């Protein structure tokens, strides 16, 4: 294939030089924002490539250079909306991070409500799981570096479980609990995080004891 150092990959097109990555990202973001806008008044299945091209004044060739289809755009949105806003290292607790995830859902509620009503939840969770898992791993290592230092498989199992659980909790919030006040969401998240993460937490619910391995 040759030397591709200093290059990046664009969906369906192959490798591009680093200098073009920012431009590719900006174009993808423009298309993604257009799809989100169209979803406010159209079902996903009724949005056409022509609709996107008309709204963005871009060519059909430009769309297919960056994406395979509308669902590829949705997957990109799911991966990047949270990555762009919530993958910084300024979080020192799982609780604060999950509360901010809920705030992102609140800001983008129209888009995610439409997504949750028209696409299967496993497909949506798959779109965001890699981003969730990356941050979960970082937070777990911050709090439990010695525990996981020599047990990568355990870190992988816990991170996978938490990322999946958070993903489905987000979908449930969007689909069934979208009118819950922010303070109630924060209360629930705090309770759940305490129950999972704090040993001997003074809670009205007792966590089952860990079985001996």
Protein backbone atom coordinates (compact mmCIF):
# COMPACT_ATOMS: atom_id res chain seq x y z
CA UNK A 1 0.00 0.00 0.00
CA UNK A 2 2.97 2.27 0.53
CA UNK A 3 3.82 4.75 3.25
CA UNK A 4 0.70 6.35 4.70
CA UNK A 5 2.35 8.10 7.65
CA UNK A 6 1.00 11.59 8.00
CA UNK A 7 -2.24 10.50 6.35
CA UNK A 8 -5.78 9.90 7.53
CA UNK A 9 -8.62 7.76 6.29
CA UNK A 10 -11.84 9.07 4.75
CA UNK A 11 -14.84 6.75 4.60
CA UNK A 12 -15.01 4.96 1.28
CA UNK A 13 -12.21 6.94 -0.34
CA UNK A 14 -8.88 5.79 1.03
CA UNK A 15 -6.06 7.85 2.57
CA UNK A 16 -5.68 11.61 2.52
CA UNK A 17 -2.83 13.82 3.68
CA UNK A 18 -2.97 15.38 7.14
CA UNK A 19 -3.39 18.84 5.64
CA UNK A 20 -6.73 17.72 4.18
CA UNK A 21 -8.12 16.11 7.33
CA UNK A 22 -9.39 19.37 8.85
CA UNK A 23 -11.15 20.26 5.60
CA UNK A 24 -12.68 16.76 5.40
CA UNK A 25 -13.92 17.07 8.96
CA UNK A 26 -15.44 20.49 8.29
CA UNK A 27 -17.26 19.12 5.24
CA UNK A 28 -18.54 16.13 7.19
CA UNK A 29 -19.74 18.43 9.94
CA UNK A 30 -21.57 20.60 7.39
CA UNK A 31 -23.35 17.54 5.96
CA UNK A 32 -24.10 16.20 9.45
CA UNK A 33 -25.59 19.50 10.64
CA UNK A 34 -27.72 19.58 7.50
CA UNK A 35 -29.07 16.07 8.18
CA UNK A 36 -29.86 17.03 11.78
CA UNK A 37 -31.74 20.08 10.53
CA UNK A 38 -33.70 18.06 7.96
CA UNK A 39 -34.64 15.53 10.63
CA UNK A 40 -36.58 18.24 12.45
CA UNK A 41 -39.34 18.05 9.85
CA UNK A 42 -38.73 14.83 7.89
CA UNK A 43 -38.47 11.15 8.71
CA UNK A 44 -35.00 9.69 8.25
CA UNK A 45 -36.22 7.32 5.54
CA UNK A 46 -37.58 10.27 3.53
CA UNK A 47 -34.39 12.34 3.55
CA UNK A 48 -32.63 12.07 0.20
CA UNK A 49 -29.12 12.87 -0.93
CA UNK A 50 -30.74 15.48 -3.16
CA UNK A 51 -32.22 17.20 -0.09
CA UNK A 52 -28.78 17.43 1.46
CA UNK A 53 -27.13 18.67 -1.70
CA UNK A 54 -29.77 21.34 -2.20
CA UNK A 55 -29.47 22.60 1.37
CA UNK A 56 -25.65 22.60 1.46
CA UNK A 57 -25.04 23.67 -2.16
CA UNK A 58 -22.66 20.73 -2.50
CA UNK A 59 -22.35 18.18 -5.26
CA UNK A 60 -23.50 14.57 -5.03
CA UNK A 61 -19.92 13.51 -5.62
CA UNK A 62 -18.84 15.46 -2.56
CA UNK A 63 -21.34 13.61 -0.39
CA UNK A 64 -20.21 10.18 -1.55
CA UNK A 65 -16.58 11.18 -1.09
CA UNK A 66 -17.26 11.50 2.64
CA UNK A 67 -20.17 9.13 3.36
CA UNK A 68 -21.72 5.93 2.01
CA UNK A 69 -25.33 6.87 2.79
CA UNK A 70 -27.59 8.72 5.26
CA UNK A 71 -27.03 6.07 7.94
CA UNK A 72 -23.28 6.52 7.64
CA UNK A 73 -23.88 10.22 8.41
CA UNK A 74 -25.96 9.29 11.48
CA UNK A 75 -23.21 6.99 12.74
CA UNK A 76 -20.65 9.77 12.29
CA UNK A 77 -22.88 12.16 14.25
CA UNK A 78 -23.27 9.67 17.08
CA UNK A 79 -19.52 9.14 17.30
CA UNK A 80 -18.49 12.77 16.99
CA UNK A 81 -21.13 14.76 18.86
CA UNK A 82 -19.98 13.28 22.15
CA UNK A 83 -16.33 12.98 21.18
CA UNK A 84 -16.07 16.67 20.33
CA UNK A 85 -17.81 17.83 23.49
CA UNK A 86 -16.98 15.30 26.19
CA UNK A 87 -13.63 13.60 25.66
CA UNK A 88 -11.54 16.22 27.40
CA UNK A 89 -9.55 15.22 30.46
CA UNK A 90 -11.16 17.78 32.75
CA UNK A 91 -13.43 15.21 34.41
CA UNK A 92 -12.39 13.75 37.73
CA UNK A 93 -15.47 11.59 38.33
CA UNK A 94 -17.75 9.30 36.35
CA UNK A 95 -20.73 11.08 37.85
CA UNK A 96 -19.82 14.52 36.48
CA UNK A 97 -19.13 13.07 33.05
CA UNK A 98 -22.42 11.13 32.81
CA UNK A 99 -24.37 14.21 33.94
CA UNK A 100 -22.75 16.16 31.10
CA UNK A 101 -23.72 13.38 28.66
CA UNK A 102 -27.32 13.95 29.71
CA UNK A 103 -26.94 17.68 29.12
CA UNK A 104 -25.74 16.99 25.57
CA UNK A 105 -28.87 14.90 25.02
CA UNK A 106 -31.00 17.74 26.34
CA UNK A 107 -29.40 20.25 23.99
CA UNK A 108 -29.82 17.91 21.03
CA UNK A 109 -33.10 16.34 22.17
CA UNK A 110 -34.98 16.87 18.88
CA UNK A 111 -32.36 14.94 16.92
CA UNK A 112 -31.97 12.09 19.42
CA UNK A 113 -35.71 11.71 20.00
CA UNK A 114 -36.15 11.28 16.25
CA UNK A 115 -33.22 8.89 16.12
CA UNK A 116 -34.53 6.78 19.00
CA UNK A 117 -37.99 6.53 17.45
CA UNK A 118 -36.82 5.56 13.95
CA UNK A 119 -33.73 3.38 14.46
CA UNK A 120 -33.17 0.26 16.55
CA UNK A 121 -31.50 1.10 19.85
CA UNK A 122 -28.63 -1.42 19.41
CA UNK A 123 -27.65 0.38 16.22
CA UNK A 124 -27.62 3.75 17.98
CA UNK A 125 -25.66 2.47 20.97
CA UNK A 126 -23.12 0.93 18.60
CA UNK A 127 -22.56 4.38 17.10
CA UNK A 128 -21.68 6.01 20.42
CA UNK A 129 -20.17 3.09 22.33
CA UNK A 130 -16.57 3.51 21.17
CA UNK A 131 -16.54 7.14 22.35
CA UNK A 132 -18.20 6.25 25.66
CA UNK A 133 -15.82 3.36 26.23
CA UNK A 134 -12.72 5.47 25.60
CA UNK A 135 -13.73 7.93 28.32
CA UNK A 136 -14.90 5.19 30.71
CA UNK A 137 -11.49 3.52 30.43
CA UNK A 138 -9.71 6.78 31.19
CA UNK A 139 -11.86 7.47 34.25
CA UNK A 140 -11.51 3.90 35.53
CA UNK A 141 -7.74 4.09 35.23
CA UNK A 142 -7.66 7.43 37.04
CA UNK A 143 -9.45 5.92 40.03
CA UNK A 144 -8.08 2.35 39.88
CA UNK A 145 -4.68 2.50 38.22
CA UNK A 146 -3.06 -0.09 40.48
CA UNK A 147 -6.04 -2.46 40.24
CA UNK A 148 -6.04 -2.55 36.45
CA UNK A 149 -2.31 -2.08 35.80
CA UNK A 150 -1.71 -5.81 35.34
CA UNK A 151 -5.24 -6.86 34.41
CA UNK A 152 -6.10 -5.38 31.03
CA UNK A 153 -8.80 -8.01 30.43
CA UNK A 154 -10.62 -6.91 33.60
CA UNK A 155 -10.42 -3.26 32.59
CA UNK A 156 -11.79 -4.19 29.16
CA UNK A 157 -14.71 -6.12 30.69
CA UNK A 158 -15.68 -3.36 33.14
CA UNK A 159 -15.30 -0.59 30.53
CA UNK A 160 -17.39 -2.54 28.02
CA UNK A 161 -20.16 -3.16 30.57
CA UNK A 162 -20.31 0.45 31.74
CA UNK A 163 -20.16 1.92 28.22
CA UNK A 164 -23.00 -0.34 27.07
CA UNK A 165 -25.06 0.40 30.18
CA UNK A 166 -24.57 4.16 29.85
CA UNK A 167 -25.48 3.97 26.15
CA UNK A 168 -28.79 2.25 26.84
CA UNK A 169 -29.51 4.54 29.78
CA UNK A 170 -29.09 7.47 27.39
CA UNK A 171 -31.54 5.92 24.93
CA UNK A 172 -34.05 5.24 27.69
CA UNK A 173 -33.74 8.85 28.82
CA UNK A 174 -34.36 10.14 25.31
CA UNK A 175 -37.21 7.78 24.49
CA UNK A 176 -39.11 7.44 27.75
CA UNK A 177 -37.85 9.99 30.26
CA UNK A 178 -37.29 13.07 28.11
CA UNK A 179 -39.44 15.29 30.35
CA UNK A 180 -37.51 14.48 33.52
CA UNK A 181 -36.11 17.73 35.05
CA UNK A 182 -32.34 18.13 35.00
CA UNK A 183 -32.09 18.03 38.79
CA UNK A 184 -33.85 14.63 38.78
CA UNK A 185 -31.47 13.31 36.14
CA UNK A 186 -28.51 14.47 38.23
CA UNK A 187 -30.02 12.84 41.33
CA UNK A 188 -30.49 9.51 39.53
CA UNK A 189 -27.01 9.55 38.00
CA UNK A 190 -25.43 10.36 41.36
CA UNK A 191 -27.28 7.50 43.04
CA UNK A 192 -26.36 4.98 40.34
CA UNK A 193 -22.69 6.01 40.30
CA UNK A 194 -22.47 5.84 44.09
CA UNK A 195 -24.01 2.38 44.16
CA UNK A 196 -21.61 1.09 41.51
CA UNK A 197 -18.43 2.85 42.56
CA UNK A 198 -18.37 3.53 46.28
CA UNK A 199 -17.47 0.74 48.67
CA UNK A 200 -19.63 0.83 51.77
CA UNK A 201 -21.75 3.72 50.49
CA UNK A 202 -24.55 4.63 52.89
CA UNK A 203 -27.39 3.81 50.51
CA UNK A 204 -30.87 2.36 51.05
CA UNK A 205 -30.07 -0.41 48.56
CA UNK A 206 -27.56 -3.17 49.29
CA UNK A 207 -25.38 -4.30 46.40
CA UNK A 208 -25.04 -8.12 46.11
CA UNK A 209 -21.75 -9.43 47.43
CA UNK A 210 -19.12 -10.33 44.85
CA UNK A 211 -18.93 -14.07 44.30
CA UNK A 212 -15.60 -15.68 45.04
CA UNK A 213 -13.69 -16.55 41.86
